[in-house]
Protein backbone atom coordinates (compact mmCIF):
# COMPACT_ATOMS: atom_id res chain seq x y z
CA UNK A 1 -3.51 -19.07 36.09
CA UNK A 2 -3.34 -17.39 39.49
CA UNK A 3 -2.53 -18.40 43.05
CA UNK A 4 -5.57 -19.66 44.96
CA UNK A 5 -4.02 -18.75 48.33
CA UNK A 6 -4.08 -14.96 48.16
CA UNK A 7 -4.65 -12.15 50.62
CA UNK A 8 -5.07 -8.40 50.30
CA UNK A 9 -2.79 -5.63 51.44
CA UNK A 10 -2.99 -1.83 51.48
CA UNK A 11 -1.05 -0.47 48.52
CA UNK A 12 0.71 1.89 50.93
CA UNK A 13 2.23 -1.13 52.72
CA UNK A 14 3.73 -2.77 49.63
CA UNK A 15 7.43 -3.60 49.71
CA UNK A 16 9.96 -5.06 47.33
CA UNK A 17 9.43 -8.82 47.30
CA UNK A 18 5.61 -8.85 47.42
CA UNK A 19 4.07 -11.00 44.68
CA UNK A 20 1.00 -9.05 43.58
CA UNK A 21 -2.06 -9.53 41.35
CA UNK A 22 -3.46 -6.46 39.58
CA UNK A 23 -7.23 -6.93 39.23
CA UNK A 24 -7.53 -4.36 36.46
CA UNK A 25 -7.62 -4.61 32.70
CA UNK A 26 -4.06 -4.80 31.42
CA UNK A 27 -4.77 -1.71 29.31
CA UNK A 28 -5.35 0.20 32.56
CA UNK A 29 -1.79 -0.20 33.82
CA UNK A 30 1.72 -0.11 32.30
CA UNK A 31 2.99 -3.49 33.53
CA UNK A 32 3.52 -6.29 30.96
CA UNK A 33 1.79 -8.85 33.23
CA UNK A 34 -1.12 -8.73 35.67
CA UNK A 35 0.84 -10.71 38.30
CA UNK A 36 4.51 -10.40 39.23
CA UNK A 37 6.97 -10.01 42.10
CA UNK A 38 7.85 -6.41 42.92
CA UNK A 39 11.55 -5.77 42.34
CA UNK A 40 11.88 -1.99 42.63
CA UNK A 41 10.54 1.06 44.42
CA UNK A 42 9.54 2.45 41.02
CA UNK A 43 7.06 -0.40 40.58
CA UNK A 44 5.61 0.35 44.00
CA UNK A 45 5.24 4.03 43.11
CA UNK A 46 3.48 3.09 39.87
CA UNK A 47 1.08 0.76 41.70
CA UNK A 48 0.24 3.52 44.17
CA UNK A 49 -0.45 5.88 41.29
CA UNK A 50 -3.11 3.55 39.81
CA UNK A 51 -5.69 4.89 42.25
CA UNK A 52 -6.41 1.59 44.03
CA UNK A 53 -6.32 1.29 47.83
CA UNK A 54 -5.80 -2.45 48.23
CA UNK A 55 -4.28 -5.17 46.08
CA UNK A 56 -4.18 -8.97 46.14
CA UNK A 57 -0.90 -10.69 46.87
CA UNK A 58 0.41 -14.21 47.46
CA UNK A 59 1.96 -14.73 50.92
CA UNK A 60 3.54 -18.00 49.76
CA UNK A 61 5.27 -16.40 46.76
CA UNK A 62 6.31 -13.23 48.58
CA UNK A 63 9.53 -12.53 50.44
CA UNK A 64 9.19 -8.82 51.27
CA UNK A 65 12.10 -6.78 52.52
CA UNK A 66 11.91 -6.10 56.27
CA UNK A 67 10.60 -2.74 57.42
CA UNK A 68 13.43 -0.46 58.52
CA UNK A 69 12.57 1.00 61.97
CA UNK A 70 12.39 4.78 62.15
CA UNK A 71 11.74 7.41 64.77
CA UNK A 72 8.13 7.31 63.64
CA UNK A 73 7.91 3.57 64.27
CA UNK A 74 4.48 3.85 65.87
CA UNK A 75 3.02 5.33 62.74
CA UNK A 76 1.87 2.96 59.98
CA UNK A 77 3.90 3.14 56.77
CA UNK A 78 1.12 4.87 54.89
CA UNK A 79 1.25 7.77 57.33
CA UNK A 80 4.99 8.53 56.99
CA UNK A 81 6.30 11.62 55.27
CA UNK A 82 7.81 9.45 52.50
CA UNK A 83 4.48 7.95 51.49
CA UNK A 84 2.20 10.93 52.12
CA UNK A 85 3.08 12.69 48.84
CA UNK A 86 2.22 9.52 46.93
CA UNK A 87 -1.22 9.38 48.51
CA UNK A 88 -1.89 13.02 47.81
CA UNK A 89 -0.72 12.60 44.21
CA UNK A 90 -3.03 9.65 43.48
CA UNK A 91 -6.19 11.55 42.54
CA UNK A 92 -4.34 13.78 40.05
CA UNK A 93 -2.50 10.84 38.46
CA UNK A 94 -5.67 8.81 38.22
CA UNK A 95 -7.50 11.75 36.68
CA UNK A 96 -4.78 12.30 34.07
CA UNK A 97 -4.79 8.61 33.11
CA UNK A 98 -8.58 8.53 32.91
CA UNK A 99 -8.66 11.68 30.79
CA UNK A 100 -6.11 10.19 28.37
CA UNK A 101 -8.13 6.98 28.13
CA UNK A 102 -11.33 8.91 27.48
CA UNK A 103 -9.63 10.91 24.73
CA UNK A 104 -8.41 7.73 23.00
CA UNK A 105 -11.86 6.15 23.32
CA UNK A 106 -13.53 9.24 21.85
CA UNK A 107 -11.12 9.19 18.89
CA UNK A 108 -11.79 5.50 18.32
CA UNK A 109 -15.55 5.93 18.30
CA UNK A 110 -15.33 8.99 16.05
CA UNK A 111 -13.14 7.12 13.55
CA UNK A 112 -15.48 4.13 13.51
CA UNK A 113 -18.48 6.39 12.90
CA UNK A 114 -16.62 8.04 10.02
CA UNK A 115 -15.93 4.63 8.45
CA UNK A 116 -19.55 3.62 8.83
CA UNK A 117 -20.81 6.89 7.34
CA UNK A 118 -18.61 6.33 4.29
CA UNK A 119 -19.79 2.74 3.95
CA UNK A 120 -23.45 3.81 4.22
CA UNK A 121 -22.93 6.62 1.72
CA UNK A 122 -21.25 4.21 -0.72
CA UNK A 123 -24.17 1.78 -0.38
CA UNK A 124 -26.61 4.60 -1.08
CA UNK A 125 -24.68 5.68 -4.19
CA UNK A 126 -24.56 2.10 -5.43
CA UNK A 127 -28.35 1.87 -5.20
CA UNK A 128 -28.60 5.12 -7.17
CA UNK A 129 -26.43 3.56 -9.88
CA UNK A 130 -28.69 0.49 -10.10
CA UNK A 131 -31.86 2.60 -10.20
CA UNK A 132 -30.61 4.63 -13.18
CA UNK A 133 -28.94 1.82 -15.15
CA UNK A 134 -31.75 1.21 -17.63
CA UNK A 135 -33.04 4.74 -18.14
CA UNK A 136 -29.94 6.90 -17.60
CA UNK A 137 -26.86 4.78 -18.28
CA UNK A 138 -24.55 7.78 -18.69
CA UNK A 139 -25.63 9.14 -15.29
CA UNK A 140 -25.15 5.68 -13.77
CA UNK A 141 -21.62 5.53 -15.16
CA UNK A 142 -20.80 9.00 -13.80
CA UNK A 143 -22.04 8.06 -10.32
CA UNK A 144 -20.18 4.74 -10.35
CA UNK A 145 -16.98 6.41 -11.58
CA UNK A 146 -17.15 9.02 -8.83
CA UNK A 147 -17.85 6.39 -6.18
CA UNK A 148 -14.91 4.21 -7.21
CA UNK A 149 -12.62 7.24 -7.37
CA UNK A 150 -13.60 8.20 -3.83
CA UNK A 151 -12.98 4.68 -2.57
CA UNK A 152 -9.67 4.39 -4.43
CA UNK A 153 -8.53 7.66 -2.80
CA UNK A 154 -8.06 5.67 0.45
CA UNK A 155 -5.16 3.89 -1.25
CA UNK A 156 -3.36 7.00 -2.50
CA UNK A 157 -0.70 8.51 -0.27
CA UNK A 158 -2.18 6.79 2.77
CA UNK A 159 0.83 4.70 3.79
CA UNK A 160 -0.44 1.52 5.38
CA UNK A 161 -4.14 0.79 4.81
CA UNK A 162 -5.93 -1.93 6.78
CA UNK A 163 -9.24 -3.75 6.46
CA UNK A 164 -11.69 -2.62 9.14
CA UNK A 165 -14.66 -4.56 10.52
CA UNK A 166 -17.76 -2.39 10.93
CA UNK A 167 -20.76 -2.57 13.22
CA UNK A 168 -23.36 -5.09 12.14
CA UNK A 169 -26.01 -2.38 11.91
CA UNK A 170 -24.56 -1.15 8.61
CA UNK A 171 -25.23 -4.52 6.95
CA UNK A 172 -27.78 -4.57 4.11
CA UNK A 173 -28.10 -6.12 0.66
CA UNK A 174 -25.88 -3.44 -0.96
CA UNK A 175 -23.15 -4.32 1.53
CA UNK A 176 -22.09 -7.24 -0.69
CA UNK A 177 -21.13 -4.95 -3.55
CA UNK A 178 -19.34 -2.51 -1.25
CA UNK A 179 -17.53 -5.35 0.55
CA UNK A 180 -16.36 -6.80 -2.75
CA UNK A 181 -15.22 -3.40 -4.02
CA UNK A 182 -13.31 -2.50 -0.83
CA UNK A 183 -11.49 -5.83 -0.62
CA UNK A 184 -10.88 -6.02 -4.37
CA UNK A 185 -9.27 -2.57 -4.42
CA UNK A 186 -7.06 -3.49 -1.49
CA UNK A 187 -6.12 -6.79 -3.11
CA UNK A 188 -5.50 -5.16 -6.48
CA UNK A 189 -3.24 -2.66 -4.80
CA UNK A 190 -1.38 -5.51 -3.06
CA UNK A 191 -1.02 -7.27 -6.41
CA UNK A 192 0.64 -4.17 -7.88
CA UNK A 193 -2.05 -3.00 -10.33
CA UNK A 194 -1.47 0.50 -11.69
CA UNK A 195 -3.89 3.40 -11.20
CA UNK A 196 -5.90 2.79 -14.38
CA UNK A 197 -6.15 -0.97 -13.79
CA UNK A 198 -7.23 -0.32 -10.18
CA UNK A 199 -9.99 2.02 -11.34
CA UNK A 200 -11.32 -0.51 -13.85
CA UNK A 201 -11.06 -3.22 -11.20
CA UNK A 202 -13.12 -1.05 -8.83
CA UNK A 203 -15.81 -0.41 -11.44
CA UNK A 204 -16.01 -4.11 -12.29
CA UNK A 205 -16.16 -5.12 -8.62
CA UNK A 206 -18.87 -2.56 -7.85
CA UNK A 207 -21.02 -3.62 -10.82
CA UNK A 208 -20.20 -7.33 -11.05
CA UNK A 209 -23.76 -8.38 -10.19
CA UNK A 210 -25.78 -5.68 -12.01
CA UNK A 211 -27.26 -8.31 -14.32
CA UNK A 212 -29.27 -9.65 -11.39
CA UNK A 213 -31.76 -6.78 -11.78
CA UNK A 214 -33.01 -8.55 -14.94
CA UNK A 215 -33.83 -11.75 -13.03
CA UNK A 216 -37.10 -12.63 -11.27
CA UNK A 217 -37.00 -11.38 -7.68
CA UNK A 218 -36.89 -14.87 -6.18
CA UNK A 219 -33.79 -15.76 -8.21
CA UNK A 220 -31.73 -12.62 -7.81
CA UNK A 221 -29.46 -13.86 -5.08
CA UNK A 222 -27.39 -17.00 -4.73
CA UNK A 223 -29.33 -19.78 -3.02
CA UNK A 224 -28.14 -23.30 -2.30
CA UNK A 225 -31.69 -24.67 -2.60
CA UNK A 226 -32.29 -23.72 -6.22
CA UNK A 227 -33.21 -26.40 -8.73
CA UNK A 228 -30.98 -27.09 -11.74
CA UNK A 229 -33.38 -25.14 -13.98
CA UNK A 230 -33.39 -22.18 -11.60
CA UNK A 231 -29.59 -22.27 -11.39
CA UNK A 232 -29.41 -22.06 -15.17
CA UNK A 233 -31.65 -18.98 -15.13
CA UNK A 234 -29.58 -17.44 -12.34
CA UNK A 235 -26.37 -17.88 -14.32
CA UNK A 236 -27.84 -15.67 -17.05
CA UNK A 237 -27.19 -12.66 -14.82
CA UNK A 238 -23.65 -12.59 -16.20
CA UNK A 239 -24.84 -12.05 -19.79
CA UNK A 240 -27.41 -9.50 -18.62
CA UNK A 241 -24.69 -7.67 -16.71
CA UNK A 242 -22.40 -7.54 -19.75
CA UNK A 243 -25.22 -6.07 -21.85
CA UNK A 244 -25.97 -3.38 -19.27
CA UNK A 245 -22.26 -2.60 -18.91
CA UNK A 246 -21.83 -2.15 -22.66
CA UNK A 247 -24.76 0.22 -22.70
CA UNK A 248 -23.17 2.52 -20.09
CA UNK A 249 -20.48 1.97 -21.57
CA UNK A 250 -17.90 0.60 -19.11
CA UNK A 251 -14.19 0.39 -20.02
CA UNK A 252 -12.91 -2.96 -21.25
CA UNK A 253 -11.19 -3.93 -17.99
CA UNK A 254 -14.38 -3.48 -15.97
CA UNK A 255 -16.41 -5.28 -18.62
CA UNK A 256 -14.10 -8.30 -18.38
CA UNK A 257 -14.64 -8.47 -14.62
CA UNK A 258 -18.42 -8.62 -15.05
CA UNK A 259 -18.11 -11.26 -17.79
CA UNK A 260 -15.65 -13.45 -15.86
CA UNK A 261 -16.43 -13.09 -12.15
CA UNK A 262 -17.86 -16.64 -11.97
CA UNK A 263 -15.11 -18.30 -14.05
CA UNK A 264 -12.55 -20.60 -12.38
CA UNK A 265 -8.92 -21.12 -13.35
CA UNK A 266 -9.53 -24.85 -13.90
CA UNK A 267 -12.36 -24.19 -16.36
CA UNK A 268 -15.16 -25.31 -14.02
CA UNK A 269 -16.85 -21.91 -13.83
CA UNK A 270 -19.46 -20.22 -16.01
CA UNK A 271 -20.66 -19.00 -18.46
CA UNK A 272 -17.76 -19.91 -20.84
CA UNK A 273 -15.64 -22.31 -18.74
CA UNK A 274 -12.59 -20.11 -19.29
CA UNK A 275 -9.26 -21.21 -17.85
CA UNK A 276 -6.47 -19.35 -16.09
CA UNK A 277 -4.68 -17.77 -19.06
CA UNK A 278 -7.96 -16.47 -20.47
CA UNK A 279 -8.96 -14.67 -17.27
CA UNK A 280 -7.98 -11.06 -16.69
CA UNK A 281 -6.01 -10.29 -13.48
CA UNK A 282 -8.88 -8.12 -12.27
CA UNK A 283 -11.42 -10.90 -12.90
CA UNK A 284 -9.30 -13.35 -10.89
CA UNK A 285 -9.33 -10.90 -7.99
CA UNK A 286 -13.08 -10.24 -8.06
CA UNK A 287 -13.95 -13.94 -8.49
CA UNK A 288 -11.96 -14.71 -5.34
CA UNK A 289 -13.29 -11.82 -3.26
CA UNK A 290 -16.87 -12.42 -4.39
CA UNK A 291 -16.62 -16.04 -3.24
CA UNK A 292 -15.09 -15.04 0.10
CA UNK A 293 -17.89 -12.58 0.85
CA UNK A 294 -20.53 -15.12 -0.14
CA UNK A 295 -19.04 -17.66 2.30
CA UNK A 296 -19.11 -15.10 5.14
CA UNK A 297 -22.50 -13.60 4.21
CA UNK A 298 -24.65 -16.31 2.57
CA UNK A 299 -28.37 -15.85 1.93
CA UNK A 300 -28.97 -18.31 4.77
CA UNK A 301 -27.10 -16.96 7.85
CA UNK A 302 -27.09 -20.43 9.41
CA UNK A 303 -24.60 -21.50 6.73
CA UNK A 304 -22.19 -18.62 7.28
CA UNK A 305 -18.52 -19.41 7.75
CA UNK A 306 -16.37 -17.37 10.06
CA UNK A 307 -13.80 -15.23 8.19
CA UNK A 308 -11.06 -17.59 9.41
CA UNK A 309 -12.97 -20.65 8.13
CA UNK A 310 -13.66 -18.95 4.80
CA UNK A 311 -9.99 -18.14 4.35
CA UNK A 312 -8.97 -21.70 5.21
CA UNK A 313 -11.52 -23.07 2.74
CA UNK A 314 -10.28 -20.78 -0.04
CA UNK A 315 -6.72 -21.88 0.63
CA UNK A 316 -7.71 -25.45 -0.22
CA UNK A 317 -9.04 -24.23 -3.59
CA UNK A 318 -5.86 -22.56 -4.80
CA UNK A 319 -4.85 -23.92 -8.20
CA UNK A 320 -8.38 -25.29 -8.59
CA UNK A 321 -10.97 -22.57 -8.58
CA UNK A 322 -8.58 -19.70 -7.97
CA UNK A 323 -5.17 -18.53 -9.11
CA UNK A 324 -2.57 -19.58 -6.51
CA UNK A 325 -0.63 -16.31 -6.60
CA UNK A 326 -3.81 -14.27 -6.08
CA UNK A 327 -4.88 -16.53 -3.20
CA UNK A 328 -1.50 -16.21 -1.50
CA UNK A 329 -1.57 -12.42 -1.77
CA UNK A 330 -5.15 -12.42 -0.48
CA UNK A 331 -4.22 -14.47 2.58
CA UNK A 332 -1.22 -12.26 3.35
CA UNK A 333 -3.44 -9.19 3.08
CA UNK A 334 -6.35 -10.52 5.15
CA UNK A 335 -4.12 -12.10 7.78
CA UNK A 336 -4.52 -15.57 9.23
CA UNK A 337 -7.37 -14.18 11.34
CA UNK A 338 -9.37 -11.77 9.13
CA UNK A 339 -11.50 -9.01 10.67
CA UNK A 340 -14.58 -10.54 12.26
CA UNK A 341 -12.72 -13.60 13.52
CA UNK A 342 -13.30 -14.66 17.13
CA UNK A 343 -10.05 -15.79 18.74
CA UNK A 344 -8.58 -17.00 22.01
CA UNK A 345 -5.33 -15.38 23.09
CA UNK A 346 -2.35 -17.16 24.58
CA UNK A 347 -3.34 -15.82 28.02
CA UNK A 348 -6.74 -17.58 27.65
CA UNK A 349 -8.76 -14.39 27.12
CA UNK A 350 -11.15 -14.05 24.18
CA UNK A 351 -11.09 -11.32 21.55
CA UNK A 352 -12.75 -10.13 18.35
CA UNK A 353 -10.46 -9.15 15.46
CA UNK A 354 -11.32 -5.63 14.30
CA UNK A 355 -8.70 -4.87 11.66
CA UNK A 356 -5.65 -6.40 10.01
CA UNK A 357 -2.49 -4.93 8.54
CA UNK A 358 -0.82 -7.04 5.85
CA UNK A 359 2.60 -6.19 7.25
CA UNK A 360 1.73 -7.91 10.56
CA UNK A 361 -0.79 -10.65 9.68
CA UNK A 362 -0.40 -12.48 13.01
CA UNK A 363 -0.79 -9.29 15.04
CA UNK A 364 -4.20 -7.78 14.23
CA UNK A 365 -6.06 -5.15 16.23
CA UNK A 366 -8.59 -6.69 18.58
CA UNK A 367 -11.19 -5.96 21.20
CA UNK A 368 -10.54 -8.14 24.25
CA UNK A 369 -13.20 -9.33 26.67
CA UNK A 370 -12.35 -7.51 29.88
CA UNK A 371 -15.13 -8.02 32.46
CA UNK A 372 -13.80 -5.09 34.52
CA UNK A 373 -14.14 -2.70 31.57
CA UNK A 374 -17.65 -1.74 30.39
CA UNK A 375 -18.30 -2.98 26.88
CA UNK A 376 -18.89 0.50 25.50
CA UNK A 377 -15.52 1.61 26.91
CA UNK A 378 -13.43 -1.23 25.48
CA UNK A 379 -10.42 -0.06 23.49
CA UNK A 380 -9.08 -1.57 20.30
CA UNK A 381 -5.68 -3.10 21.15
CA UNK A 382 -2.95 -3.43 18.53
CA UNK A 383 -1.26 -6.77 19.20
CA UNK A 384 1.75 -5.52 17.25
CA UNK A 385 2.45 -3.37 20.30
CA UNK A 386 2.09 -6.34 22.68
CA UNK A 387 4.87 -8.88 22.03
CA UNK A 388 3.73 -10.79 25.13
CA UNK A 389 0.27 -11.49 23.67
CA UNK A 390 -0.48 -13.71 20.69
CA UNK A 391 -3.43 -15.61 19.21
CA UNK A 392 -3.69 -19.27 20.15
CA UNK A 393 -6.68 -20.37 18.07
CA UNK A 394 -9.76 -19.27 16.16
CA UNK A 395 -13.24 -20.11 17.44
CA UNK A 396 -16.79 -20.16 16.19
CA UNK A 397 -18.90 -17.55 18.00
CA UNK A 398 -21.10 -20.19 19.59
CA UNK A 399 -18.05 -21.65 21.34
CA UNK A 400 -17.74 -18.51 23.45
CA UNK A 401 -19.04 -18.33 27.02
CA UNK A 402 -22.34 -16.45 27.06
CA UNK A 403 -20.96 -13.39 28.87
CA UNK A 404 -18.09 -13.17 26.38
CA UNK A 405 -20.44 -13.53 23.41
CA UNK A 406 -22.61 -10.69 24.67
CA UNK A 407 -19.55 -8.52 25.31
CA UNK A 408 -17.77 -9.06 21.99
CA UNK A 409 -20.98 -9.24 19.93
CA UNK A 410 -19.61 -11.31 17.00
CA UNK A 411 -21.09 -10.20 13.69
CA UNK A 412 -23.58 -12.40 11.89
CA UNK A 413 -23.03 -10.15 8.87
CA UNK A 414 -19.47 -9.11 8.01
CA UNK A 415 -18.97 -5.61 6.58
CA UNK A 416 -15.59 -4.07 5.80
CA UNK A 417 -14.14 -0.68 4.97
CA UNK A 418 -10.73 0.98 4.68
CA UNK A 419 -8.75 1.88 7.80
CA UNK A 420 -5.58 3.90 8.15
CA UNK A 421 -2.55 1.97 9.38
CA UNK A 422 -0.10 2.72 12.18
CA UNK A 423 0.49 6.36 12.89
CA UNK A 424 -3.26 6.98 13.19
CA UNK A 425 -5.28 6.18 16.33
CA UNK A 426 -7.00 2.81 16.17
CA UNK A 427 -10.61 3.03 15.16
CA UNK A 428 -13.56 1.67 16.99
CA UNK A 429 -14.33 0.28 20.38
CA UNK A 430 -16.65 -2.62 20.97
CA UNK A 431 -19.52 -1.22 18.91
């Protein structure tokens, strides 16, 4: 990393040839690296404008240009006429930079809050659908149709749309259905489904588990500790869901999703052991997304996979449980490091992936652990704009140093929503 034999020097005394170390977050200065040899007066001027008085440098790696004697030789360099304007300009420059940073941070927090409000509202509407299913099926269908239309609107005329990780506080039971709907709509769009097919996909994804309301409370959710008899009862939620869907009534495409969301392309699923050709494209999508969300958000949090692990596991199941083409599109869309992944960068720093754009799967937007920057002021950094920074590996949260874990706050529950792509300000900070 750095040079152990360093000293400090007043910024006003810097000269071309000094090898310096900038002890600031790299997002607080315009240089591509935090340590480098000064090669121009422009770099010196920029360093002086950062608002720091002293800076570390390496005597061994420096070969500064000699000071040219002047008639004011007795005066220190920082007191000369040439450097005085720089000193007087520092407060204004620092203020402008800080104001710009604050504006970006405010926009990021506002955008994140907007995403979370939409997610919470969608969860609330989903619960209203479930509550009225038995007694007011037509009202339930109207609410579900409106909800899916509002969610699908994120895909219309939006240009690039990304998958955004939300704060853990929004997580609740209804988050599974909203997660599955958000990711299924994005995946359906990536697979080229038309508007009608997307709408039916959204309805099926939203309501894929409605049959669970007919089960005993203790069996409503997937549980790895169920007995064989209990598993058989649990699997009946598919038939219950189809009956409720017909009573609404849902369109055929959505009905197929509910009927087939636990089927596998190799015939090992349930309830009818259907194989690839018999499965609708929308059902293949929801079966895959439903499984992904269950891996990330199991009933027992101790068994949760990281998003990166879940994606890797699903990749091994292509052509077995899941359609290979759908899996490949899913991986391209989610990126190698899906939102919620904890990663180590090639400069050894740690980061949390906040959102991914399918056009740049290896360059997600991340929050980086910067000890010098307060956690609540951390900016989301788009690695697509930083060719010098890449991801070296994915980590489990417990592999992080304690201070980094507290700073990045990896989610124990993963919740997603839509995010606008490039051209909009990045959402979120380190919530």
